[in-house]
C-alpha atoms as a PDB file:
ATOM      1  CA  GLU A   1       3.173  -1.782 -31.122  1.00  0.00           C
ATOM      2  CA  VAL A   2       6.115  -4.490 -32.513  1.00  0.00           C
ATOM      3  CA  GLN A   3       5.055  -8.064 -33.411  1.00  0.00           C
ATOM      4  CA  LEU A   4       7.436 -11.010 -34.354  1.00  0.00           C
ATOM      5  CA  VAL A   5       6.283 -13.899 -34.204  1.00  0.00           C
ATOM      6  CA  GLU A   6       8.855 -16.863 -35.307  1.00  0.00           C
ATOM      7  CA  SER A   7       8.092 -20.457 -36.678  1.00  0.00           C
ATOM      8  CA  GLY A   8       9.209 -23.511 -38.341  1.00  0.00           C
ATOM      9  CA  GLY A   9      11.840 -25.080 -35.510  1.00  0.00           C
ATOM     10  CA  GLY A  10      11.708 -28.541 -34.421  1.00  0.00           C
ATOM     11  CA  LEU A  11      14.021 -31.893 -33.834  1.00  0.00           C
ATOM     12  CA  VAL A  12      16.474 -32.523 -36.436  1.00  0.00           C
ATOM     13  CA  GLN A  13      19.143 -34.825 -36.890  1.00  0.00           C
ATOM     14  CA  PRO A  14      22.683 -33.806 -37.747  1.00  0.00           C
ATOM     15  CA  GLY A  15      23.229 -32.861 -41.387  1.00  0.00           C
ATOM     16  CA  GLY A  16      19.297 -32.082 -42.002  1.00  0.00           C
ATOM     17  CA  SER A  17      17.540 -28.847 -42.609  1.00  0.00           C
ATOM     18  CA  LEU A  18      15.288 -26.383 -41.439  1.00  0.00           C
ATOM     19  CA  ARG A  19      13.625 -23.746 -42.883  1.00  0.00           C
ATOM     20  CA  LEU A  20      12.166 -20.699 -40.310  1.00  0.00           C
ATOM     21  CA  SER A  21       9.756 -18.079 -40.532  1.00  0.00           C
ATOM     22  CA  CYS A  22       9.119 -14.819 -38.464  1.00  0.00           C
ATOM     23  CA  ALA A  23       5.888 -12.536 -39.146  1.00  0.00           C
ATOM     24  CA  ALA A  24       6.171  -9.342 -38.747  1.00  0.00           C
ATOM     25  CA  SER A  25       3.676  -6.357 -38.263  1.00  0.00           C
ATOM     26  CA  GLY A  26       3.272  -3.380 -36.205  1.00  0.00           C
ATOM     27  CA  PHE A  27       6.213  -1.283 -38.338  1.00  0.00           C
ATOM     28  CA  ARG A  28       7.666  -0.609 -41.919  1.00  0.00           C
ATOM     29  CA  PHE A  29       9.107  -3.854 -42.406  1.00  0.00           C
ATOM     30  CA  SER A  30      10.133  -2.822 -45.650  1.00  0.00           C
ATOM     31  CA  ARG A  31      12.076  -0.225 -44.482  1.00  0.00           C
ATOM     32  CA  SER A  32      13.617  -2.235 -41.684  1.00  0.00           C
ATOM     33  CA  ALA A  33      17.381  -4.418 -41.629  1.00  0.00           C
ATOM     34  CA  MET A  34      16.379  -7.669 -39.611  1.00  0.00           C
ATOM     35  CA  THR A  35      18.320  -9.542 -37.490  1.00  0.00           C
ATOM     36  CA  TRP A  36      18.283 -13.720 -36.451  1.00  0.00           C
ATOM     37  CA  VAL A  37      20.179 -14.113 -33.122  1.00  0.00           C
ATOM     38  CA  ARG A  38      19.736 -17.268 -30.771  1.00  0.00           C
ATOM     39  CA  GLN A  39      20.487 -18.613 -27.381  1.00  0.00           C
ATOM     40  CA  ALA A  40      21.821 -21.959 -26.762  1.00  0.00           C
ATOM     41  CA  PRO A  41      20.889 -23.939 -23.550  1.00  0.00           C
ATOM     42  CA  GLY A  42      22.795 -22.093 -20.573  1.00  0.00           C
ATOM     43  CA  LYS A  43      24.468 -19.272 -22.660  1.00  0.00           C
ATOM     44  CA  GLY A  44      23.876 -16.308 -23.525  1.00  0.00           C
ATOM     45  CA  LEU A  45      22.283 -14.264 -27.130  1.00  0.00           C
ATOM     46  CA  GLU A  46      24.442 -15.141 -30.404  1.00  0.00           C
ATOM     47  CA  TRP A  47      23.911 -13.043 -33.311  1.00  0.00           C
ATOM     48  CA  VAL A  48      23.406 -15.125 -35.971  1.00  0.00           C
ATOM     49  CA  SER A  49      22.632 -13.129 -39.157  1.00  0.00           C
ATOM     50  CA  THR A  50      21.319  -9.571 -40.695  1.00  0.00           C
ATOM     51  CA  ILE A  51      20.088  -9.000 -43.668  1.00  0.00           C
ATOM     52  CA  ASN A  52      18.839  -5.136 -44.970  1.00  0.00           C
ATOM     53  CA  SER A  53      16.150  -3.862 -45.698  1.00  0.00           C
ATOM     54  CA  GLY A  54      15.896  -4.658 -49.404  1.00  0.00           C
ATOM     55  CA  GLY A  55      16.998  -7.799 -49.412  1.00  0.00           C
ATOM     56  CA  GLY A  56      20.002  -7.015 -51.094  1.00  0.00           C
ATOM     57  CA  SER A  57      23.014  -7.037 -48.263  1.00  0.00           C
ATOM     58  CA  THR A  58      23.169 -10.278 -46.260  1.00  0.00           C
ATOM     59  CA  ASN A  59      25.690 -10.551 -43.313  1.00  0.00           C
ATOM     60  CA  TYR A  60      26.413 -14.196 -41.091  1.00  0.00           C
ATOM     61  CA  ALA A  61      28.063 -15.213 -38.480  1.00  0.00           C
ATOM     62  CA  ASP A  62      31.247 -17.195 -38.981  1.00  0.00           C
ATOM     63  CA  SER A  63      29.610 -20.346 -37.105  1.00  0.00           C
ATOM     64  CA  VAL A  64      27.272 -20.273 -39.983  1.00  0.00           C
ATOM     65  CA  LYS A  65      28.443 -18.783 -42.956  1.00  0.00           C
ATOM     66  CA  GLY A  66      27.814 -21.201 -45.704  1.00  0.00           C
ATOM     67  CA  ARG A  67      24.930 -22.856 -43.806  1.00  0.00           C
ATOM     68  CA  PHE A  68      22.598 -20.856 -43.559  1.00  0.00           C
ATOM     69  CA  THR A  69      20.601 -18.646 -45.493  1.00  0.00           C
ATOM     70  CA  ILE A  70      18.939 -15.409 -44.723  1.00  0.00           C
ATOM     71  CA  SER A  71      15.843 -13.988 -47.180  1.00  0.00           C
ATOM     72  CA  ARG A  72      12.675 -11.806 -46.643  1.00  0.00           C
ATOM     73  CA  ASP A  73       9.612 -11.292 -48.610  1.00  0.00           C
ATOM     74  CA  ASN A  74       8.542  -7.245 -48.034  1.00  0.00           C
ATOM     75  CA  ALA A  75       5.345  -7.884 -49.727  1.00  0.00           C
ATOM     76  CA  LYS A  76       4.152 -10.435 -46.564  1.00  0.00           C
ATOM     77  CA  ASN A  77       6.146  -8.939 -44.036  1.00  0.00           C
ATOM     78  CA  THR A  78       7.947 -12.379 -43.171  1.00  0.00           C
ATOM     79  CA  LEU A  79      11.701 -12.979 -42.592  1.00  0.00           C
ATOM     80  CA  PHE A  80      13.235 -16.464 -43.249  1.00  0.00           C
ATOM     81  CA  LEU A  81      16.051 -18.456 -42.468  1.00  0.00           C
ATOM     82  CA  GLN A  82      17.171 -21.606 -44.339  1.00  0.00           C
ATOM     83  CA  MET A  83      19.296 -23.647 -42.268  1.00  0.00           C
ATOM     84  CA  ASN A  84      21.239 -26.679 -44.055  1.00  0.00           C
ATOM     85  CA  SER A  85      23.992 -29.300 -42.826  1.00  0.00           C
ATOM     86  CA  LEU A  86      23.037 -28.733 -38.946  1.00  0.00           C
ATOM     87  CA  LYS A  87      24.828 -29.208 -36.137  1.00  0.00           C
ATOM     88  CA  PRO A  88      24.094 -30.037 -32.626  1.00  0.00           C
ATOM     89  CA  GLU A  89      26.031 -26.717 -31.676  1.00  0.00           C
ATOM     90  CA  ASP A  90      23.149 -25.076 -33.524  1.00  0.00           C
ATOM     91  CA  THR A  91      20.800 -26.427 -30.936  1.00  0.00           C
ATOM     92  CA  ALA A  92      19.297 -23.018 -29.867  1.00  0.00           C
ATOM     93  CA  ILE A  93      16.270 -20.959 -29.450  1.00  0.00           C
ATOM     94  CA  TYR A  94      16.020 -18.801 -32.528  1.00  0.00           C
ATOM     95  CA  TYR A  95      14.734 -15.413 -32.077  1.00  0.00           C
ATOM     96  CA  CYS A  96      13.571 -12.709 -35.192  1.00  0.00           C
ATOM     97  CA  THR A  97      14.968  -9.187 -34.250  1.00  0.00           C
ATOM     98  CA  VAL A  98      13.889  -5.775 -35.394  1.00  0.00           C
ATOM     99  CA  GLN A  99      14.193  -2.533 -32.655  1.00  0.00           C
ATOM    100  CA  GLY A 100      15.073  -3.956 -29.924  1.00  0.00           C
ATOM    101  CA  THR A 101      12.595  -6.496 -29.568  1.00  0.00           C
ATOM    102  CA  ARG A 102      12.365 -10.092 -30.230  1.00  0.00           C
ATOM    103  CA  GLY A 103       9.736 -12.593 -30.669  1.00  0.00           C
ATOM    104  CA  GLN A 104       9.000 -15.402 -28.270  1.00  0.00           C
ATOM    105  CA  GLY A 105      11.508 -17.641 -30.267  1.00  0.00           C
ATOM    106  CA  THR A 106      11.130 -21.263 -31.720  1.00  0.00           C
ATOM    107  CA  GLN A 107      13.385 -24.124 -30.483  1.00  0.00           C
ATOM    108  CA  VAL A 108      15.602 -25.722 -32.547  1.00  0.00           C
ATOM    109  CA  THR A 109      17.138 -29.076 -31.456  1.00  0.00           C
ATOM    110  CA  VAL A 110      19.501 -31.113 -33.643  1.00  0.00           C
ATOM    111  CA  SER A 111      20.212 -34.447 -32.056  1.00  0.00           C
ATOM    112  CA  SER A 112      20.641 -37.891 -33.538  1.00  0.00           C
END
């Protein structure tokens, strides 16, 4: 059974940083591309970033490019999202996803 547990969210001021983590189990993490998506209040899911299985290829939504960095530690079955220069419009629940499954999410709130 695929299990994904996100953590690291919180309240941060505009311009601040957070690092999200996603602990994965129940599948071959090191052979799976992984994705972060987010859902802002009252809106649908938005793709944020994807990383390939080896970590050598990444893609970002235009809205986060240059500010967010996706990475992974295959030895620890963990996915990361480093978020810098946060803006109020980054406020959302952030989920990691694989094989059509996502975790419970972690809330990120950017506000002064």
